[in-house]
Amino acid sequence: MTDTPKRIERVPFAGDEKATLLASLDQHRDIALWKLEGLDDERLRRPMTPTGTSLLGLVKHLAAIEYGWFCETFGYPAEELWFAPEDDLTVGPDETAARIVALYGRARAAADRVIHDLDLDHLGTSWDGTRVSLRWVLVHMLEDTVRHTGHLDILRELVDGATGDYRDTWETGAAS
């Protein structure tokens, strides 16, 4: 269904602040995709909560918030989404897994452009008018992505009993 997520080959154990935050965010972004591996379309989109949240819906939500917090906050172009914000945790019958995974890939790439272009102290304006730094957005997105990968862990176990920790597959090495 999805391509095998990239493996983080060098975790910046002694890297600078931006590199450390981005590497951690990337690891959890990869975990989100890893939790989809090996499932057919029916199981990916199966609503697992009373509100309709599914594995695929969580990845769709992660894509939407990457665009929102990074691109929109800092005035970068964001893809026009085909769904309303209130529909980002659910998956419609015409939304394929490939389409949502590809959206997440594009959102990640767009967010990474913002991260690489701006200093951590650069200020942007959030959806509610609050002035926020790139540093704050990176920390917030890391928190939110980690929270949702926890949800993905639970939903995946409910779908097919699969459990596991992606960290066991990471290749790490000394980084400067």
C-alpha atoms as a PDB file:
ATOM      1  CA  MET A   1       0.000   0.000   0.000  1.00  0.00           C
ATOM      2  CA  THR A   2       2.610   2.537   1.020  1.00  0.00           C
ATOM      3  CA  ASP A   3       6.300   2.755   0.357  1.00  0.00           C
ATOM      4  CA  THR A   4       8.458   1.654   3.237  1.00  0.00           C
ATOM      5  CA  PRO A   5       9.219   4.789   5.237  1.00  0.00           C
ATOM      6  CA  LYS A   6      12.727   6.119   5.082  1.00  0.00           C
ATOM      7  CA  ARG A   7      15.027   5.108   7.884  1.00  0.00           C
ATOM      8  CA  ILE A   8      16.719   7.856   9.832  1.00  0.00           C
ATOM      9  CA  GLU A   9      20.361   6.913   9.425  1.00  0.00           C
ATOM     10  CA  ARG A  10      21.870   9.590  11.620  1.00  0.00           C
ATOM     11  CA  VAL A  11      20.074  10.914  14.639  1.00  0.00           C
ATOM     12  CA  PRO A  12      21.722  14.184  15.726  1.00  0.00           C
ATOM     13  CA  PHE A  13      22.427  13.191  19.323  1.00  0.00           C
ATOM     14  CA  ALA A  14      24.677  16.235  19.614  1.00  0.00           C
ATOM     15  CA  GLY A  15      23.140  18.324  16.824  1.00  0.00           C
ATOM     16  CA  ASP A  16      21.866  21.848  16.976  1.00  0.00           C
ATOM     17  CA  GLU A  17      18.358  22.656  18.105  1.00  0.00           C
ATOM     18  CA  LYS A  18      16.710  22.813  14.668  1.00  0.00           C
ATOM     19  CA  ALA A  19      18.348  19.599  13.445  1.00  0.00           C
ATOM     20  CA  THR A  20      17.323  17.785  16.620  1.00  0.00           C
ATOM     21  CA  LEU A  21      13.703  18.964  16.446  1.00  0.00           C
ATOM     22  CA  LEU A  22      13.389  18.139  12.745  1.00  0.00           C
ATOM     23  CA  ALA A  23      14.965  14.688  13.128  1.00  0.00           C
ATOM     24  CA  SER A  24      12.566  13.875  15.949  1.00  0.00           C
ATOM     25  CA  LEU A  25       9.583  15.153  13.959  1.00  0.00           C
ATOM     26  CA  ASP A  26      10.720  13.114  10.944  1.00  0.00           C
ATOM     27  CA  GLN A  27      10.966   9.951  13.016  1.00  0.00           C
ATOM     28  CA  HIS A  28       7.387  10.335  14.196  1.00  0.00           C
ATOM     29  CA  ARG A  29       6.171  11.255  10.718  1.00  0.00           C
ATOM     30  CA  ASP A  30       7.703   7.980   9.538  1.00  0.00           C
ATOM     31  CA  ILE A  31       6.038   6.101  12.397  1.00  0.00           C
ATOM     32  CA  ALA A  32       2.655   7.413  11.224  1.00  0.00           C
ATOM     33  CA  LEU A  33       3.228   5.887   7.794  1.00  0.00           C
ATOM     34  CA  TRP A  34       4.721   2.715   9.227  1.00  0.00           C
ATOM     35  CA  LYS A  35       1.496   2.086  11.162  1.00  0.00           C
ATOM     36  CA  LEU A  36      -0.336   1.811   7.808  1.00  0.00           C
ATOM     37  CA  GLU A  37       1.982  -0.870   6.402  1.00  0.00           C
ATOM     38  CA  GLY A  38       0.492  -4.188   5.403  1.00  0.00           C
ATOM     39  CA  LEU A  39      -3.170  -3.218   5.713  1.00  0.00           C
ATOM     40  CA  ASP A  40      -5.761  -3.342   2.969  1.00  0.00           C
ATOM     41  CA  ASP A  41      -7.976  -0.395   2.125  1.00  0.00           C
ATOM     42  CA  GLU A  42     -10.898  -1.604   4.226  1.00  0.00           C
ATOM     43  CA  ARG A  43      -8.825  -1.858   7.390  1.00  0.00           C
ATOM     44  CA  LEU A  44      -7.036   1.465   6.762  1.00  0.00           C
ATOM     45  CA  ARG A  45     -10.316   3.365   6.517  1.00  0.00           C
ATOM     46  CA  ARG A  46     -12.306   1.419   9.113  1.00  0.00           C
ATOM     47  CA  PRO A  47     -13.799   3.871  11.653  1.00  0.00           C
ATOM     48  CA  MET A  48     -12.441   2.863  15.041  1.00  0.00           C
ATOM     49  CA  THR A  49     -14.043   5.500  17.267  1.00  0.00           C
ATOM     50  CA  PRO A  50     -17.623   6.760  17.627  1.00  0.00           C
ATOM     51  CA  THR A  51     -16.592   9.946  15.771  1.00  0.00           C
ATOM     52  CA  GLY A  52     -15.290   7.957  12.796  1.00  0.00           C
ATOM     53  CA  THR A  53     -11.528   8.264  13.298  1.00  0.00           C
ATOM     54  CA  SER A  54      -9.518   5.739  11.304  1.00  0.00           C
ATOM     55  CA  LEU A  55      -5.842   5.037  10.703  1.00  0.00           C
ATOM     56  CA  LEU A  56      -6.015   6.759   7.336  1.00  0.00           C
ATOM     57  CA  GLY A  57      -8.020   9.638   8.816  1.00  0.00           C
ATOM     58  CA  LEU A  58      -5.248  10.351  11.298  1.00  0.00           C
ATOM     59  CA  VAL A  59      -2.683  10.585   8.490  1.00  0.00           C
ATOM     60  CA  LYS A  60      -5.044  12.891   6.586  1.00  0.00           C
ATOM     61  CA  HIS A  61      -5.266  15.075   9.696  1.00  0.00           C
ATOM     62  CA  LEU A  62      -1.479  15.137  10.068  1.00  0.00           C
ATOM     63  CA  ALA A  63      -1.166  16.350   6.472  1.00  0.00           C
ATOM     64  CA  ALA A  64      -3.665  19.144   7.045  1.00  0.00           C
ATOM     65  CA  ILE A  65      -1.961  20.383  10.198  1.00  0.00           C
ATOM     66  CA  GLU A  66       1.517  20.302   8.608  1.00  0.00           C
ATOM     67  CA  TYR A  67       0.225  22.668   5.921  1.00  0.00           C
ATOM     68  CA  GLY A  68      -1.592  24.810   8.450  1.00  0.00           C
ATOM     69  CA  TRP A  69       1.062  25.229  11.100  1.00  0.00           C
ATOM     70  CA  PHE A  70       4.082  25.534   8.859  1.00  0.00           C
ATOM     71  CA  CYS A  71       2.915  26.966   5.535  1.00  0.00           C
ATOM     72  CA  GLU A  72      -0.065  29.094   6.457  1.00  0.00           C
ATOM     73  CA  THR A  73       1.498  30.409   9.675  1.00  0.00           C
ATOM     74  CA  PHE A  74       4.625  31.606   7.867  1.00  0.00           C
ATOM     75  CA  GLY A  75       3.053  32.722   4.584  1.00  0.00           C
ATOM     76  CA  TYR A  76       4.264  29.859   2.404  1.00  0.00           C
ATOM     77  CA  PRO A  77       2.098  28.258  -0.287  1.00  0.00           C
ATOM     78  CA  ALA A  78      -0.099  25.435   0.914  1.00  0.00           C
ATOM     79  CA  GLU A  79      -2.017  22.978  -1.191  1.00  0.00           C
ATOM     80  CA  GLU A  80      -5.724  23.680  -1.356  1.00  0.00           C
ATOM     81  CA  LEU A  81      -7.297  20.737   0.421  1.00  0.00           C
ATOM     82  CA  TRP A  82     -10.341  18.982  -0.982  1.00  0.00           C
ATOM     83  CA  PHE A  83     -11.927  18.518   2.452  1.00  0.00           C
ATOM     84  CA  ALA A  84     -13.260  20.802   5.156  1.00  0.00           C
ATOM     85  CA  PRO A  85     -11.228  21.118   8.375  1.00  0.00           C
ATOM     86  CA  GLU A  86     -13.917  19.324  10.345  1.00  0.00           C
ATOM     87  CA  ASP A  87     -13.598  16.315   8.007  1.00  0.00           C
ATOM     88  CA  ASP A  88      -9.860  15.797   8.377  1.00  0.00           C
ATOM     89  CA  LEU A  89     -10.072  12.792  10.727  1.00  0.00           C
ATOM     90  CA  THR A  90     -12.489  10.822   8.584  1.00  0.00           C
ATOM     91  CA  VAL A  91     -12.089   9.291   5.149  1.00  0.00           C
ATOM     92  CA  GLY A  92     -14.724   9.590   2.440  1.00  0.00           C
ATOM     93  CA  PRO A  93     -15.543   6.775   0.015  1.00  0.00           C
ATOM     94  CA  ASP A  94     -13.729   8.575  -2.828  1.00  0.00           C
ATOM     95  CA  GLU A  95     -10.518   9.160  -0.856  1.00  0.00           C
ATOM     96  CA  THR A  96      -7.911   6.503  -1.536  1.00  0.00           C
ATOM     97  CA  ALA A  97      -5.070   5.526   0.733  1.00  0.00           C
ATOM     98  CA  ALA A  98      -2.615   6.444  -2.023  1.00  0.00           C
ATOM     99  CA  ARG A  99      -4.127   9.918  -2.334  1.00  0.00           C
ATOM    100  CA  ILE A 100      -3.918  10.590   1.410  1.00  0.00           C
ATOM    101  CA  VAL A 101      -0.388   9.195   1.796  1.00  0.00           C
ATOM    102  CA  ALA A 102       0.725  11.314  -1.179  1.00  0.00           C
ATOM    103  CA  LEU A 103      -0.915  14.379   0.400  1.00  0.00           C
ATOM    104  CA  TYR A 104       1.036  13.733   3.595  1.00  0.00           C
ATOM    105  CA  GLY A 105       4.246  13.461   1.600  1.00  0.00           C
ATOM    106  CA  ARG A 106       3.603  16.804  -0.109  1.00  0.00           C
ATOM    107  CA  ALA A 107       2.676  18.435   3.207  1.00  0.00           C
ATOM    108  CA  ARG A 108       5.877  17.171   4.808  1.00  0.00           C
ATOM    109  CA  ALA A 109       7.971  18.473   1.917  1.00  0.00           C
ATOM    110  CA  ALA A 110       6.268  21.882   2.056  1.00  0.00           C
ATOM    111  CA  ALA A 111       6.757  22.067   5.829  1.00  0.00           C
ATOM    112  CA  ASP A 112      10.408  21.078   5.471  1.00  0.00           C
ATOM    113  CA  ARG A 113      10.960  23.981   3.048  1.00  0.00           C
ATOM    114  CA  VAL A 114       9.673  26.373   5.712  1.00  0.00           C
ATOM    115  CA  ILE A 115      11.819  24.761   8.403  1.00  0.00           C
ATOM    116  CA  HIS A 116      14.960  24.925   6.280  1.00  0.00           C
ATOM    117  CA  ASP A 117      14.329  28.507   5.108  1.00  0.00           C
ATOM    118  CA  LEU A 118      13.592  30.179   8.431  1.00  0.00           C
ATOM    119  CA  ASP A 119      15.432  30.735  11.686  1.00  0.00           C
ATOM    120  CA  LEU A 120      13.883  29.256  14.816  1.00  0.00           C
ATOM    121  CA  ASP A 121      13.096  32.757  16.113  1.00  0.00           C
ATOM    122  CA  HIS A 122      11.223  33.757  12.937  1.00  0.00           C
ATOM    123  CA  LEU A 123       7.664  34.842  13.816  1.00  0.00           C
ATOM    124  CA  GLY A 124       4.498  33.968  11.983  1.00  0.00           C
ATOM    125  CA  THR A 125       0.796  34.351  12.661  1.00  0.00           C
ATOM    126  CA  SER A 126      -1.265  31.310  13.580  1.00  0.00           C
ATOM    127  CA  TRP A 127      -4.843  30.651  12.508  1.00  0.00           C
ATOM    128  CA  ASP A 128      -6.180  32.509  15.571  1.00  0.00           C
ATOM    129  CA  GLY A 129      -3.922  35.566  15.186  1.00  0.00           C
ATOM    130  CA  THR A 130      -1.337  34.547  17.783  1.00  0.00           C
ATOM    131  CA  ARG A 131       2.267  35.411  16.942  1.00  0.00           C
ATOM    132  CA  VAL A 132       4.362  32.263  17.163  1.00  0.00           C
ATOM    133  CA  SER A 133       7.995  31.404  16.453  1.00  0.00           C
ATOM    134  CA  LEU A 134       9.142  28.598  14.198  1.00  0.00           C
ATOM    135  CA  ARG A 135      10.660  27.053  17.340  1.00  0.00           C
ATOM    136  CA  TRP A 136       7.225  26.988  19.009  1.00  0.00           C
ATOM    137  CA  VAL A 137       5.600  25.517  15.884  1.00  0.00           C
ATOM    138  CA  LEU A 138       8.230  22.777  15.645  1.00  0.00           C
ATOM    139  CA  VAL A 139       7.711  21.835  19.287  1.00  0.00           C
ATOM    140  CA  HIS A 140       3.920  22.000  18.905  1.00  0.00           C
ATOM    141  CA  MET A 141       3.980  19.849  15.759  1.00  0.00           C
ATOM    142  CA  LEU A 142       6.281  17.360  17.412  1.00  0.00           C
ATOM    143  CA  GLU A 143       3.860  17.128  20.365  1.00  0.00           C
ATOM    144  CA  ASP A 144       0.841  16.772  18.085  1.00  0.00           C
ATOM    145  CA  THR A 145       2.477  14.217  15.796  1.00  0.00           C
ATOM    146  CA  VAL A 146       3.661  12.125  18.747  1.00  0.00           C
ATOM    147  CA  ARG A 147       0.153  12.251  20.249  1.00  0.00           C
ATOM    148  CA  HIS A 148      -1.397  11.082  16.988  1.00  0.00           C
ATOM    149  CA  THR A 149       1.172   8.331  16.466  1.00  0.00           C
ATOM    150  CA  GLY A 150       0.083   7.078  19.889  1.00  0.00           C
ATOM    151  CA  HIS A 151      -3.473   7.051  18.599  1.00  0.00           C
ATOM    152  CA  LEU A 152      -2.250   5.184  15.514  1.00  0.00           C
ATOM    153  CA  ASP A 153      -0.564   2.604  17.785  1.00  0.00           C
ATOM    154  CA  ILE A 154      -3.843   1.935  19.552  1.00  0.00           C
ATOM    155  CA  LEU A 155      -5.981   1.878  16.396  1.00  0.00           C
ATOM    156  CA  ARG A 156      -3.545  -0.460  14.636  1.00  0.00           C
ATOM    157  CA  GLU A 157      -3.664  -2.873  17.549  1.00  0.00           C
ATOM    158  CA  LEU A 158      -7.482  -2.762  17.475  1.00  0.00           C
ATOM    159  CA  VAL A 159      -7.548  -3.350  13.707  1.00  0.00           C
ATOM    160  CA  ASP A 160      -5.283  -6.388  13.506  1.00  0.00           C
ATOM    161  CA  GLY A 161      -3.496  -6.893  16.816  1.00  0.00           C
ATOM    162  CA  ALA A 162      -0.174  -5.604  15.472  1.00  0.00           C
ATOM    163  CA  THR A 163       2.065  -3.905  17.978  1.00  0.00           C
ATOM    164  CA  GLY A 164       5.647  -2.815  17.821  1.00  0.00           C
ATOM    165  CA  ASP A 165       8.089  -0.011  18.147  1.00  0.00           C
ATOM    166  CA  TYR A 166       9.499   1.537  15.014  1.00  0.00           C
ATOM    167  CA  ARG A 167      12.608   2.631  16.916  1.00  0.00           C
ATOM    168  CA  ASP A 168      13.869  -0.931  16.724  1.00  0.00           C
ATOM    169  CA  THR A 169      14.271  -0.423  12.969  1.00  0.00           C
ATOM    170  CA  TRP A 170      16.149   2.875  13.160  1.00  0.00           C
ATOM    171  CA  GLU A 171      19.747   2.917  12.118  1.00  0.00           C
ATOM    172  CA  THR A 172      21.586   5.286  14.377  1.00  0.00           C
ATOM    173  CA  GLY A 173      25.132   6.406  14.537  1.00  0.00           C
ATOM    174  CA  ALA A 174      27.305   9.069  15.996  1.00  0.00           C
ATOM    175  CA  ALA A 175      26.340  12.433  14.601  1.00  0.00           C
ATOM    176  CA  SER A 176      27.954  15.757  15.133  1.00  0.00           C
END
